[in-house]
Amino acid sequence: MPTNVEATEEATRRWIAAGAAALGVGPHLLPPALIASRDVAAMAARVQEFLGWVREARAGL
């Protein structure tokens, strides 16, 4: 499980293709400014986008 991974589509696909079972994305997924904004809809959208990249990367294996 790599940590401190950038929450980008390219990085997600690359790590999953390399065999990662999980990714530690932390503040790359939900930056402090987004959390401070308390914009739950934006946070949820960001998480859904990230999970979509993970699903697509796993489906491509």
Protein backbone atom coordinates (compact mmCIF):
# COMPACT_ATOMS: atom_id res chain seq x y z
CA MET A 1 0.00 0.00 0.00
CA PRO A 2 1.81 3.10 -1.20
CA THR A 3 1.11 6.28 0.75
CA ASN A 4 1.28 9.98 -0.05
CA VAL A 5 0.03 9.18 -3.55
CA GLU A 6 -1.24 12.04 -5.68
CA ALA A 7 -4.98 11.65 -6.19
CA THR A 8 -4.85 11.94 -9.97
CA GLU A 9 -6.26 9.57 -12.54
CA GLU A 10 -2.82 8.84 -13.97
CA ALA A 11 -1.19 8.09 -10.60
CA THR A 12 -4.13 5.96 -9.49
CA ARG A 13 -4.04 3.85 -12.65
CA ARG A 14 -0.26 3.49 -12.47
CA TRP A 15 -0.22 2.30 -8.86
CA ILE A 16 -3.13 -0.13 -9.31
CA ALA A 17 -1.49 -1.55 -12.46
CA ALA A 18 1.72 -2.02 -10.46
CA GLY A 19 -0.17 -4.22 -8.00
CA ALA A 20 -1.16 -1.86 -5.19
CA ALA A 21 -4.08 -3.24 -3.15
CA ALA A 22 -4.81 0.17 -1.62
CA LEU A 23 -3.60 3.76 -1.92
CA GLY A 24 -2.97 6.31 0.79
CA VAL A 25 -3.99 9.62 -0.78
CA GLY A 26 -4.74 11.73 2.31
CA PRO A 27 -4.62 15.46 1.69
CA HIS A 28 -4.11 14.91 -2.02
CA LEU A 29 -7.71 13.73 -2.21
CA LEU A 30 -9.25 16.21 0.24
CA PRO A 31 -6.95 19.21 0.62
CA PRO A 32 -7.23 21.24 3.83
CA ALA A 33 -8.87 24.16 1.99
CA LEU A 34 -11.65 21.89 0.74
CA ILE A 35 -12.23 20.50 4.22
CA ALA A 36 -12.21 24.02 5.68
CA SER A 37 -14.86 25.06 3.16
CA ARG A 38 -17.19 22.37 4.58
CA ASP A 39 -18.46 21.80 1.04
CA VAL A 40 -19.66 18.26 1.58
CA ALA A 41 -21.01 17.97 -1.97
CA ALA A 42 -17.61 18.88 -3.44
CA MET A 43 -15.85 16.43 -1.11
CA ALA A 44 -18.26 13.65 -2.04
CA ALA A 45 -17.82 14.38 -5.74
CA ARG A 46 -14.03 14.24 -5.39
CA VAL A 47 -14.20 10.89 -3.56
CA GLN A 48 -16.59 9.46 -6.14
CA GLU A 49 -14.29 10.54 -8.95
CA PHE A 50 -11.31 8.91 -7.24
CA LEU A 51 -13.20 5.68 -6.59
CA GLY A 52 -14.21 5.60 -10.24
CA TRP A 53 -10.53 5.75 -11.24
CA VAL A 54 -9.78 2.87 -8.86
CA ARG A 55 -12.64 0.76 -10.25
CA GLU A 56 -11.61 1.42 -13.84
CA ALA A 57 -7.95 0.66 -13.10
CA ARG A 58 -8.87 -2.62 -11.41
CA ALA A 59 -11.19 -3.57 -14.26
CA GLY A 60 -8.31 -3.10 -16.69
CA LEU A 61 -6.12 -5.71 -14.99
